[in-house]
């Protein structure tokens, strides 16, 4: 009886450890894929997940790809493990959510938050409404017009770039909401914005039409993937970095295709 009791006790303890690892792993998988989706570099994702895992008495091994996060969680004695695969969420770039998710990892450590409380805080961050798409549309258009001024564009060129960005970015928002392929969206958005940019040539608006055309598509430059890709490679996350750089290169090629198509269609001589 004593042996049977000990065996049952061991099985119960193993089951408790397994369930704990499973709960923590599920939370960390959702947390890591959310960080990845809002535009966080790989090294930061790894640090944050390891910090949370250690707070719950676990050890975490993470492998990050372009669209998935493979995670193995161990108990403190490396006797039990649990593995999970999480797919990237469709959250979009969000620096506010980025900061709040990172702050959550420190709150878990500093305030010793139970896992149940951490899950509630995580969900409240994820469910936060995004900024108004109309406000973002206007601000991006103004920012791109400011880029035009930065490159010595005159008032007419700034006006052309504002409306080019306004219509191009609105189309990008609309098509992405309808789940269009991102590469196709970049080609179409660049084409529409460049058509407006070419109007400075067609209607002889201002003295810097070449600046208007060149900056009309700057809002499509994938700056975050480029920066994250380089940082990942520097931090020795070569696979994740190369995949991000390849994705950014594809988007830039699509931008160039849309811009070239507009120039050929209008017949603008830029040189």
Foldseek 3Di string as FASTA:
>chain_A
DVVVVVVVVVVVVVVVVVVLQVLLQVVLQVLLLALLQQQDFPVLSVVLSQLLLVLVQWGKDWADANFKIWIKIAHNVRPDIDIDMHTHDNPYHDVVLNVQSSVLSVCCNPVVDDSVVSVVSNVVSSPDDDDDPVVVLQVLLQVLLVVLVVVVHDPQLSVLLSVLSNVLVVQLVVVVVVVDDNLVSLLVSLLSSLLSLCVCVVVVTDDCSLSSNVSSSVSQQPPSLQVSLVVCVVVVSPNRSVNSVVVNVSSVVSSVNSNVVNCVVVVDDSD
